[in-house]
Amino acid sequence: MAEAKEELMRVGELAKAVGKTVRAMHLYEELGLLEPRARSEGGFRLYGPEAVDRIHWIVKLQAIGFTLAEIQGFVRDFQGAGSGREATARVRALFTEKQAQIREQITQLQVIENDLSEALAYLDSCQTCTDDYAPTACGVCDHHGHHKGEAPPLFAGLTPSRREGREDNKPFDVPVTVLYREDREGNN
């Protein structure tokens, strides 16, 4: 029984199969990241199933944080290395560096997530607050279990700090409801 002939794809079919544009396929080829297996009689590029795998590899590397120029550079370095050992050592060094960068990003994102969680917990208690306070009172309030001046940093930065010890000891703030009422009455 004869083996079935492997179906080759034109560039548009390949692009559709991987969810990319034809221009992206041409760019990958220009950068030396993708090679057609053959050309049709009419000169069209023809790609085998390995091209799909190659594009998925490129996309994964981009998701990791490599630019196309970086991918092009280390593919060129890999192919131009004097030995397999040297080639793999170069790639290993790049991947190790990228892994360290990603671990640093993960640490930074964990800090950000903690900051967001702290701010959201604080803001959850604000949902039962009265409408009598102006937004500028929110970062320094002592209502609903909050302690004056202890708002989480992500939230505290939203409102300017109140000046303590003003001569008239009057707060800058007026209730928001009063502002809206005055505006509706035409008293600015």
C-alpha atoms as a PDB file:
ATOM      1  CA  MET A   1       0.000   0.000   0.000  1.00  0.00           C
ATOM      2  CA  ALA A   2       1.480   3.371  -1.005  1.00  0.00           C
ATOM      3  CA  GLU A   3       1.940   6.130   1.566  1.00  0.00           C
ATOM      4  CA  ALA A   4      -0.431   9.040   1.206  1.00  0.00           C
ATOM      5  CA  LYS A   5       1.265  12.111  -0.229  1.00  0.00           C
ATOM      6  CA  GLU A   6       1.791  14.757   2.433  1.00  0.00           C
ATOM      7  CA  GLU A   7      -0.331  17.805   1.732  1.00  0.00           C
ATOM      8  CA  LEU A   8       1.557  21.057   1.396  1.00  0.00           C
ATOM      9  CA  MET A   9      -0.035  24.414   2.204  1.00  0.00           C
ATOM     10  CA  ARG A  10       0.200  27.723   0.438  1.00  0.00           C
ATOM     11  CA  VAL A  11       1.085  30.729   2.590  1.00  0.00           C
ATOM     12  CA  GLY A  12      -2.561  31.801   2.999  1.00  0.00           C
ATOM     13  CA  GLU A  13      -3.565  28.333   4.168  1.00  0.00           C
ATOM     14  CA  LEU A  14      -0.676  28.247   6.609  1.00  0.00           C
ATOM     15  CA  ALA A  15      -1.575  31.681   7.957  1.00  0.00           C
ATOM     16  CA  LYS A  16      -5.173  30.590   8.463  1.00  0.00           C
ATOM     17  CA  ALA A  17      -4.092  27.341  10.143  1.00  0.00           C
ATOM     18  CA  VAL A  18      -2.052  29.223  12.765  1.00  0.00           C
ATOM     19  CA  GLY A  19      -4.280  32.294  13.136  1.00  0.00           C
ATOM     20  CA  LYS A  20      -1.744  34.726  11.735  1.00  0.00           C
ATOM     21  CA  THR A  21      -1.638  37.051   8.757  1.00  0.00           C
ATOM     22  CA  VAL A  22       0.054  36.310   5.456  1.00  0.00           C
ATOM     23  CA  ARG A  23       2.269  39.320   6.180  1.00  0.00           C
ATOM     24  CA  ALA A  24       3.418  37.660   9.411  1.00  0.00           C
ATOM     25  CA  MET A  25       4.354  34.538   7.451  1.00  0.00           C
ATOM     26  CA  HIS A  26       6.366  36.636   5.015  1.00  0.00           C
ATOM     27  CA  LEU A  27       8.047  38.455   7.910  1.00  0.00           C
ATOM     28  CA  TYR A  28       9.021  35.155   9.559  1.00  0.00           C
ATOM     29  CA  GLU A  29      10.491  34.058   6.239  1.00  0.00           C
ATOM     30  CA  GLU A  30      12.361  37.366   5.761  1.00  0.00           C
ATOM     31  CA  LEU A  31      13.867  36.958   9.235  1.00  0.00           C
ATOM     32  CA  GLY A  32      14.986  33.423   8.443  1.00  0.00           C
ATOM     33  CA  LEU A  33      12.612  31.899  10.984  1.00  0.00           C
ATOM     34  CA  LEU A  34      10.440  30.068   8.465  1.00  0.00           C
ATOM     35  CA  GLU A  35      11.324  28.364   5.217  1.00  0.00           C
ATOM     36  CA  PRO A  36       8.971  27.006   2.586  1.00  0.00           C
ATOM     37  CA  ARG A  37       9.531  23.357   1.826  1.00  0.00           C
ATOM     38  CA  ALA A  38       8.987  23.885  -1.885  1.00  0.00           C
ATOM     39  CA  ARG A  39       7.522  26.177  -4.504  1.00  0.00           C
ATOM     40  CA  SER A  40       4.647  25.398  -6.797  1.00  0.00           C
ATOM     41  CA  GLU A  41       4.971  25.565 -10.563  1.00  0.00           C
ATOM     42  CA  GLY A  42       3.497  29.043 -10.317  1.00  0.00           C
ATOM     43  CA  GLY A  43       6.143  30.077  -7.784  1.00  0.00           C
ATOM     44  CA  PHE A  44       3.918  29.990  -4.699  1.00  0.00           C
ATOM     45  CA  ARG A  45       5.532  29.087  -1.387  1.00  0.00           C
ATOM     46  CA  LEU A  46       4.494  25.662  -0.115  1.00  0.00           C
ATOM     47  CA  TYR A  47       4.793  24.666   3.544  1.00  0.00           C
ATOM     48  CA  GLY A  48       4.575  21.309   5.277  1.00  0.00           C
ATOM     49  CA  PRO A  49       3.076  20.580   8.700  1.00  0.00           C
ATOM     50  CA  GLU A  50       6.448  21.326  10.329  1.00  0.00           C
ATOM     51  CA  ALA A  51       5.827  25.006   9.488  1.00  0.00           C
ATOM     52  CA  VAL A  52       2.811  24.996  11.816  1.00  0.00           C
ATOM     53  CA  ASP A  53       5.027  23.655  14.609  1.00  0.00           C
ATOM     54  CA  ARG A  54       7.677  26.273  13.852  1.00  0.00           C
ATOM     55  CA  ILE A  55       5.152  29.113  14.046  1.00  0.00           C
ATOM     56  CA  HIS A  56       3.748  27.775  17.328  1.00  0.00           C
ATOM     57  CA  TRP A  57       7.337  27.730  18.617  1.00  0.00           C
ATOM     58  CA  ILE A  58       7.852  31.365  17.543  1.00  0.00           C
ATOM     59  CA  VAL A  59       4.573  32.408  19.177  1.00  0.00           C
ATOM     60  CA  LYS A  60       5.522  30.626  22.414  1.00  0.00           C
ATOM     61  CA  LEU A  61       8.909  32.359  22.483  1.00  0.00           C
ATOM     62  CA  GLN A  62       7.196  35.716  21.931  1.00  0.00           C
ATOM     63  CA  ALA A  63       4.798  34.933  24.801  1.00  0.00           C
ATOM     64  CA  ILE A  64       7.826  34.251  26.992  1.00  0.00           C
ATOM     65  CA  GLY A  65       9.073  37.724  26.119  1.00  0.00           C
ATOM     66  CA  PHE A  66      11.496  37.251  23.248  1.00  0.00           C
ATOM     67  CA  THR A  67      11.270  39.716  20.379  1.00  0.00           C
ATOM     68  CA  LEU A  68      11.421  38.510  16.796  1.00  0.00           C
ATOM     69  CA  ALA A  69      14.864  40.105  16.507  1.00  0.00           C
ATOM     70  CA  GLU A  70      16.062  38.156  19.557  1.00  0.00           C
ATOM     71  CA  ILE A  71      14.631  34.930  18.154  1.00  0.00           C
ATOM     72  CA  GLN A  72      16.293  35.643  14.826  1.00  0.00           C
ATOM     73  CA  GLY A  73      19.598  36.312  16.579  1.00  0.00           C
ATOM     74  CA  PHE A  74      19.680  33.172  18.646  1.00  0.00           C
ATOM     75  CA  VAL A  75      18.518  31.007  15.724  1.00  0.00           C
ATOM     76  CA  ARG A  76      21.370  32.465  13.691  1.00  0.00           C
ATOM     77  CA  ASP A  77      23.819  31.966  16.591  1.00  0.00           C
ATOM     78  CA  PHE A  78      22.583  28.408  17.106  1.00  0.00           C
ATOM     79  CA  GLN A  79      22.959  27.520  13.444  1.00  0.00           C
ATOM     80  CA  GLY A  80      26.346  29.242  13.205  1.00  0.00           C
ATOM     81  CA  ALA A  81      27.863  27.599  16.268  1.00  0.00           C
ATOM     82  CA  GLY A  82      30.937  25.437  15.813  1.00  0.00           C
ATOM     83  CA  SER A  83      29.374  22.437  17.557  1.00  0.00           C
ATOM     84  CA  GLY A  84      26.116  21.184  18.975  1.00  0.00           C
ATOM     85  CA  ARG A  85      27.485  21.603  22.477  1.00  0.00           C
ATOM     86  CA  GLU A  86      28.367  25.244  21.814  1.00  0.00           C
ATOM     87  CA  ALA A  87      24.982  25.852  20.164  1.00  0.00           C
ATOM     88  CA  THR A  88      23.002  24.409  23.048  1.00  0.00           C
ATOM     89  CA  ALA A  89      25.151  26.270  25.596  1.00  0.00           C
ATOM     90  CA  ARG A  90      24.252  29.567  23.893  1.00  0.00           C
ATOM     91  CA  VAL A  91      20.542  28.791  23.912  1.00  0.00           C
ATOM     92  CA  ARG A  92      20.746  27.583  27.512  1.00  0.00           C
ATOM     93  CA  ALA A  93      22.352  30.895  28.567  1.00  0.00           C
ATOM     94  CA  LEU A  94      19.604  32.884  26.845  1.00  0.00           C
ATOM     95  CA  PHE A  95      16.845  30.757  28.355  1.00  0.00           C
ATOM     96  CA  THR A  96      18.442  31.010  31.820  1.00  0.00           C
ATOM     97  CA  GLU A  97      18.571  34.793  31.532  1.00  0.00           C
ATOM     98  CA  LYS A  98      14.942  34.944  30.365  1.00  0.00           C
ATOM     99  CA  GLN A  99      13.882  32.644  33.205  1.00  0.00           C
ATOM    100  CA  ALA A 100      15.537  34.992  35.730  1.00  0.00           C
ATOM    101  CA  GLN A 101      13.710  37.970  34.163  1.00  0.00           C
ATOM    102  CA  ILE A 102      10.388  36.127  34.316  1.00  0.00           C
ATOM    103  CA  ARG A 103      10.953  35.158  37.953  1.00  0.00           C
ATOM    104  CA  GLU A 104      11.595  38.828  38.752  1.00  0.00           C
ATOM    105  CA  GLN A 105       8.396  39.791  36.916  1.00  0.00           C
ATOM    106  CA  ILE A 106       6.476  37.139  38.864  1.00  0.00           C
ATOM    107  CA  THR A 107       7.792  38.582  42.133  1.00  0.00           C
ATOM    108  CA  GLN A 108       6.786  42.082  41.042  1.00  0.00           C
ATOM    109  CA  LEU A 109       3.341  40.853  39.991  1.00  0.00           C
ATOM    110  CA  GLN A 110       2.866  39.093  43.345  1.00  0.00           C
ATOM    111  CA  VAL A 111       3.599  42.358  45.139  1.00  0.00           C
ATOM    112  CA  ILE A 112       1.134  44.157  42.879  1.00  0.00           C
ATOM    113  CA  GLU A 113      -1.488  41.458  43.465  1.00  0.00           C
ATOM    114  CA  ASN A 114      -1.039  41.799  47.239  1.00  0.00           C
ATOM    115  CA  ASP A 115      -1.360  45.584  46.966  1.00  0.00           C
ATOM    116  CA  LEU A 116      -4.554  45.172  44.932  1.00  0.00           C
ATOM    117  CA  SER A 117      -6.001  42.646  47.383  1.00  0.00           C
ATOM    118  CA  GLU A 118      -5.283  44.982  50.287  1.00  0.00           C
ATOM    119  CA  ALA A 119      -6.899  47.924  48.469  1.00  0.00           C
ATOM    120  CA  LEU A 120      -9.944  45.864  47.454  1.00  0.00           C
ATOM    121  CA  ALA A 121     -10.487  44.647  51.031  1.00  0.00           C
ATOM    122  CA  TYR A 122     -10.330  48.256  52.206  1.00  0.00           C
ATOM    123  CA  LEU A 123     -12.720  49.394  49.464  1.00  0.00           C
ATOM    124  CA  ASP A 124     -15.203  46.601  50.225  1.00  0.00           C
ATOM    125  CA  SER A 125     -15.900  48.238  53.576  1.00  0.00           C
ATOM    126  CA  CYS A 126     -16.551  51.548  51.797  1.00  0.00           C
ATOM    127  CA  GLN A 127     -19.638  50.149  50.059  1.00  0.00           C
ATOM    128  CA  THR A 128     -21.773  50.797  53.167  1.00  0.00           C
ATOM    129  CA  CYS A 129     -20.506  54.352  53.641  1.00  0.00           C
ATOM    130  CA  THR A 130     -22.847  57.337  53.464  1.00  0.00           C
ATOM    131  CA  ASP A 131     -22.927  59.724  50.496  1.00  0.00           C
ATOM    132  CA  ASP A 132     -22.283  62.681  52.814  1.00  0.00           C
ATOM    133  CA  TYR A 133     -18.499  62.516  52.433  1.00  0.00           C
ATOM    134  CA  ALA A 134     -16.530  64.008  49.565  1.00  0.00           C
ATOM    135  CA  PRO A 135     -14.123  61.717  47.702  1.00  0.00           C
ATOM    136  CA  THR A 136     -11.160  63.560  49.206  1.00  0.00           C
ATOM    137  CA  ALA A 137     -12.235  62.323  52.666  1.00  0.00           C
ATOM    138  CA  CYS A 138     -11.879  58.698  51.587  1.00  0.00           C
ATOM    139  CA  GLY A 139      -8.129  58.339  51.852  1.00  0.00           C
ATOM    140  CA  VAL A 140      -8.052  59.672  55.415  1.00  0.00           C
ATOM    141  CA  CYS A 141     -11.359  58.471  56.881  1.00  0.00           C
ATOM    142  CA  ASP A 142     -11.853  56.686  60.163  1.00  0.00           C
ATOM    143  CA  HIS A 143     -15.197  55.055  59.359  1.00  0.00           C
ATOM    144  CA  HIS A 144     -16.140  51.383  58.999  1.00  0.00           C
ATOM    145  CA  GLY A 145     -13.089  50.041  60.782  1.00  0.00           C
ATOM    146  CA  HIS A 146     -10.644  52.273  58.911  1.00  0.00           C
ATOM    147  CA  HIS A 147      -7.963  54.126  60.809  1.00  0.00           C
ATOM    148  CA  LYS A 148      -7.188  57.701  59.907  1.00  0.00           C
ATOM    149  CA  GLY A 149      -4.229  57.893  57.538  1.00  0.00           C
ATOM    150  CA  GLU A 150      -3.904  54.114  57.141  1.00  0.00           C
ATOM    151  CA  ALA A 151      -5.468  53.564  53.726  1.00  0.00           C
ATOM    152  CA  PRO A 152      -3.590  51.077  51.538  1.00  0.00           C
ATOM    153  CA  PRO A 153      -1.020  52.814  49.319  1.00  0.00           C
ATOM    154  CA  LEU A 154      -2.823  52.009  46.055  1.00  0.00           C
ATOM    155  CA  PHE A 155      -5.922  53.735  47.356  1.00  0.00           C
ATOM    156  CA  ALA A 156      -4.315  56.433  49.492  1.00  0.00           C
ATOM    157  CA  GLY A 157      -2.618  57.915  46.440  1.00  0.00           C
ATOM    158  CA  LEU A 158      -5.999  58.719  44.896  1.00  0.00           C
ATOM    159  CA  THR A 159      -6.777  61.536  47.279  1.00  0.00           C
ATOM    160  CA  PRO A 160      -4.557  64.401  48.364  1.00  0.00           C
ATOM    161  CA  SER A 161      -3.641  64.309  52.037  1.00  0.00           C
ATOM    162  CA  ARG A 162      -5.527  66.665  54.261  1.00  0.00           C
ATOM    163  CA  ARG A 163      -3.444  69.388  55.721  1.00  0.00           C
ATOM    164  CA  GLU A 164      -3.309  69.013  59.479  1.00  0.00           C
ATOM    165  CA  GLY A 165      -3.270  72.057  61.721  1.00  0.00           C
ATOM    166  CA  ARG A 166      -4.908  74.600  59.420  1.00  0.00           C
ATOM    167  CA  GLU A 167      -5.619  77.915  61.109  1.00  0.00           C
ATOM    168  CA  ASP A 168      -9.410  77.697  60.755  1.00  0.00           C
ATOM    169  CA  ASN A 169      -9.442  73.915  61.383  1.00  0.00           C
ATOM    170  CA  LYS A 170     -12.136  73.585  58.753  1.00  0.00           C
ATOM    171  CA  PRO A 171     -11.754  70.707  56.337  1.00  0.00           C
ATOM    172  CA  PHE A 172     -11.386  71.436  52.653  1.00  0.00           C
ATOM    173  CA  ASP A 173     -14.140  69.007  51.900  1.00  0.00           C
ATOM    174  CA  VAL A 174     -17.837  69.524  51.599  1.00  0.00           C
ATOM    175  CA  PRO A 175     -20.225  66.635  51.141  1.00  0.00           C
ATOM    176  CA  VAL A 176     -20.635  65.598  47.536  1.00  0.00           C
ATOM    177  CA  THR A 177     -24.422  65.872  47.896  1.00  0.00           C
ATOM    178  CA  VAL A 178     -24.028  69.595  48.681  1.00  0.00           C
ATOM    179  CA  LEU A 179     -21.872  70.123  45.596  1.00  0.00           C
ATOM    180  CA  TYR A 180     -24.429  68.473  43.364  1.00  0.00           C
ATOM    181  CA  ARG A 181     -27.275  70.364  44.983  1.00  0.00           C
ATOM    182  CA  GLU A 182     -25.521  73.708  44.505  1.00  0.00           C
ATOM    183  CA  ASP A 183     -24.674  72.874  40.905  1.00  0.00           C
ATOM    184  CA  ARG A 184     -28.293  72.019  40.117  1.00  0.00           C
ATOM    185  CA  GLU A 185     -29.460  75.265  41.685  1.00  0.00           C
ATOM    186  CA  GLY A 186     -26.976  77.255  39.604  1.00  0.00           C
ATOM    187  CA  ASN A 187     -24.828  78.279  42.562  1.00  0.00           C
ATOM    188  CA  ASN A 188     -21.243  77.491  41.669  1.00  0.00           C
END
